[in-house]
Amino acid sequence: MIGFLVINLGLFMSLFISMLVTLYEAFVEKQTVYRMLETLKIRPQTMADKDYSALISIPPPLNVFLILLAPFLLTSSNPEFWNRLILWVAYLPVLLITTTVFLIYEIVLTPLTFLKVFFHKMIMIFIYSKSYRITKADKFILWIFFIITGPFRLIANIGTDTVAFIM
């Protein structure tokens, strides 16, 4: 009985080893395909890599183009360049739309901001500046100076805010 069990154990071990060898040979033959499939797995956004993040992060209307671009990107010799190019092209409409909405919002708010600051400056110059030894004429000139330079400063702030929004 013990001899029978030892022979069976030997047969099962040789069967197990032959299955492992056969599976390993199949894996080695299709190693590049398995690597590509592993690359295509969805990762968290914090783990987006510089070579293949375009494959998982393109917005929904444009992700249809990945059917054509994914094999090209996966087999490219310089995937980082193509990844950046695909992401720039894919997110350009999003950038343009959000920047346009931001600019419209800024332009609509600029007159309201000027009115708010206009009255705030008037109150600060004429009411709350009593502790400073400034004549009423100087206070009035400061207020006129703001009226002249205020709109230009607000327009310059629109440009600064837009650059900060894009970056």
Protein backbone atom coordinates (compact mmCIF):
# COMPACT_ATOMS: atom_id res chain seq x y z
CA MET A 1 0.00 0.00 0.00
CA ILE A 2 2.84 2.40 0.87
CA GLY A 3 4.56 1.60 -2.41
CA PHE A 4 1.35 2.33 -4.29
CA LEU A 5 1.02 5.71 -2.51
CA VAL A 6 4.65 6.63 -3.26
CA ILE A 7 4.21 5.73 -6.95
CA ASN A 8 0.98 7.76 -7.13
CA LEU A 9 2.67 10.71 -5.40
CA GLY A 10 5.54 10.50 -7.90
CA LEU A 11 3.12 10.38 -10.83
CA PHE A 12 1.15 13.38 -9.54
CA MET A 13 4.34 15.34 -8.90
CA SER A 14 5.61 14.64 -12.42
CA LEU A 15 2.19 15.62 -13.83
CA PHE A 16 2.28 18.86 -11.78
CA ILE A 17 5.84 19.67 -12.91
CA SER A 18 4.99 18.98 -16.57
CA MET A 19 1.96 21.30 -16.30
CA LEU A 20 4.16 24.05 -14.82
CA VAL A 21 6.74 23.66 -17.60
CA THR A 22 4.05 23.73 -20.31
CA LEU A 23 2.42 26.84 -18.81
CA TYR A 24 5.79 28.56 -18.51
CA GLU A 25 6.57 27.87 -22.17
CA ALA A 26 3.17 29.32 -23.16
CA PHE A 27 3.86 32.37 -20.99
CA VAL A 28 7.29 32.96 -22.55
CA GLU A 29 5.80 32.78 -26.06
CA LYS A 30 3.16 35.43 -25.26
CA GLN A 31 5.19 37.50 -22.83
CA THR A 32 4.75 40.77 -24.75
CA VAL A 33 0.99 40.28 -24.97
CA TYR A 34 0.78 39.71 -21.21
CA ARG A 35 2.89 42.79 -20.60
CA MET A 36 0.55 44.87 -22.77
CA LEU A 37 -2.50 43.50 -20.98
CA GLU A 38 -0.91 44.27 -17.62
CA THR A 39 -0.16 47.80 -18.82
CA LEU A 40 -3.79 48.30 -19.83
CA LYS A 41 -5.15 47.47 -16.38
CA ILE A 42 -6.92 50.42 -14.81
CA ARG A 43 -4.83 52.02 -12.11
CA PRO A 44 -5.67 54.71 -9.59
CA GLN A 45 -5.00 58.23 -10.81
CA THR A 46 -2.19 58.60 -8.33
CA MET A 47 -0.33 55.78 -10.10
CA ALA A 48 -0.60 57.17 -13.65
CA ASP A 49 2.69 56.52 -15.37
CA LYS A 50 4.40 58.79 -17.86
CA ASP A 51 4.37 56.25 -20.68
CA TYR A 52 0.85 54.86 -20.83
CA SER A 53 -1.47 57.12 -18.80
CA ALA A 54 -3.24 58.26 -21.99
CA LEU A 55 -4.71 54.77 -22.26
CA ILE A 56 -6.77 55.20 -19.10
CA SER A 57 -7.34 58.94 -18.68
CA ILE A 58 -8.71 60.29 -21.96
CA PRO A 59 -12.17 61.88 -21.54
CA PRO A 60 -15.17 59.88 -22.79
CA PRO A 61 -15.93 61.37 -26.20
CA LEU A 62 -12.32 61.00 -27.31
CA ASN A 63 -11.55 57.61 -25.78
CA VAL A 64 -13.00 55.94 -28.89
CA PHE A 65 -9.78 56.90 -30.69
CA LEU A 66 -7.88 54.59 -28.33
CA ILE A 67 -9.06 51.67 -30.43
CA LEU A 68 -6.68 52.97 -33.10
CA LEU A 69 -4.03 54.53 -30.87
CA ALA A 70 -3.59 51.91 -28.12
CA PRO A 71 -1.68 49.33 -30.23
CA PHE A 72 0.50 52.10 -31.68
CA LEU A 73 1.26 53.54 -28.24
CA LEU A 74 1.97 50.14 -26.70
CA THR A 75 4.40 49.12 -29.45
CA SER A 76 6.14 52.48 -29.86
CA SER A 77 9.82 52.81 -29.06
CA ASN A 78 9.20 56.22 -27.43
CA PRO A 79 5.88 55.87 -25.57
CA GLU A 80 6.41 58.93 -23.34
CA PHE A 81 6.42 61.32 -26.32
CA TRP A 82 3.32 59.76 -27.88
CA ASN A 83 1.59 59.67 -24.49
CA ARG A 84 2.15 63.42 -24.03
CA LEU A 85 1.01 64.16 -27.58
CA ILE A 86 -2.19 62.12 -27.20
CA LEU A 87 -2.97 63.77 -23.85
CA TRP A 88 -2.40 67.28 -25.28
CA VAL A 89 -4.71 66.59 -28.22
CA ALA A 90 -7.32 64.89 -26.03
CA TYR A 91 -7.48 67.56 -23.35
CA LEU A 92 -7.21 70.59 -25.65
CA PRO A 93 -11.02 70.89 -26.05
CA VAL A 94 -11.46 70.63 -22.28
CA LEU A 95 -8.82 73.33 -21.77
CA LEU A 96 -10.43 75.64 -24.33
CA ILE A 97 -13.96 75.22 -22.97
CA THR A 98 -13.04 75.68 -19.32
CA THR A 99 -10.79 78.64 -20.09
CA THR A 100 -13.58 80.28 -22.11
CA VAL A 101 -16.07 79.79 -19.27
CA PHE A 102 -13.51 81.17 -16.81
CA LEU A 103 -12.86 84.25 -18.99
CA ILE A 104 -16.58 84.94 -19.43
CA TYR A 105 -17.04 84.67 -15.67
CA GLU A 106 -14.13 87.06 -15.06
CA ILE A 107 -15.43 89.57 -17.63
CA VAL A 108 -18.92 89.50 -16.12
CA LEU A 109 -17.54 90.03 -12.62
CA THR A 110 -15.12 92.84 -13.52
CA PRO A 111 -17.70 95.69 -13.50
CA LEU A 112 -19.17 94.40 -10.25
CA THR A 113 -15.72 94.19 -8.74
CA PHE A 114 -14.92 97.72 -9.87
CA LEU A 115 -18.12 99.06 -8.26
CA LYS A 116 -17.41 97.25 -5.03
CA VAL A 117 -13.81 98.47 -4.88
CA PHE A 118 -14.86 101.97 -6.02
CA PHE A 119 -17.11 102.45 -2.99
CA HIS A 120 -14.74 100.60 -0.69
CA LYS A 121 -11.86 102.92 -1.69
CA MET A 122 -14.11 105.94 -1.26
CA ILE A 123 -15.03 104.85 2.26
CA MET A 124 -11.41 103.97 3.12
CA ILE A 125 -10.07 107.30 1.84
CA PHE A 126 -12.73 109.67 3.17
CA ILE A 127 -13.90 107.99 6.37
CA TYR A 128 -11.28 105.59 7.75
CA SER A 129 -8.16 107.65 6.99
CA LYS A 130 -8.68 110.16 9.82
CA SER A 131 -5.73 108.77 11.74
CA TYR A 132 -3.37 109.75 8.94
CA ARG A 133 -2.51 113.40 8.53
CA ILE A 134 -3.64 113.72 4.92
CA THR A 135 -5.60 116.64 3.58
CA LYS A 136 -8.94 116.20 1.93
CA ALA A 137 -7.43 117.23 -1.40
CA ASP A 138 -4.84 114.43 -1.15
CA LYS A 139 -7.58 111.95 -0.28
CA PHE A 140 -9.59 113.11 -3.27
CA ILE A 141 -6.56 112.77 -5.58
CA LEU A 142 -5.99 109.19 -4.34
CA TRP A 143 -9.60 108.40 -5.12
CA ILE A 144 -9.31 109.93 -8.62
CA PHE A 145 -6.07 107.99 -9.12
CA PHE A 146 -7.93 104.76 -8.34
CA ILE A 147 -10.78 105.68 -10.70
CA ILE A 148 -8.24 106.17 -13.51
CA THR A 149 -5.99 103.17 -12.82
CA GLY A 150 -8.56 100.79 -11.31
CA PRO A 151 -10.03 99.39 -14.55
CA PHE A 152 -6.56 98.78 -16.01
CA ARG A 153 -5.46 97.00 -12.86
CA LEU A 154 -8.58 94.81 -12.92
CA ILE A 155 -8.01 93.95 -16.59
CA ALA A 156 -4.38 93.08 -15.80
CA ASN A 157 -5.69 90.85 -13.01
CA ILE A 158 -7.90 89.02 -15.53
CA GLY A 159 -4.77 88.13 -17.50
CA THR A 160 -2.90 87.06 -14.37
CA ASP A 161 -5.83 84.96 -13.17
CA THR A 162 -6.21 83.30 -16.57
CA VAL A 163 -2.54 82.35 -16.68
CA ALA A 164 -2.80 80.94 -13.14
CA PHE A 165 -5.97 79.06 -14.15
CA ILE A 166 -4.28 77.46 -17.16
CA MET A 167 -1.14 76.51 -15.28
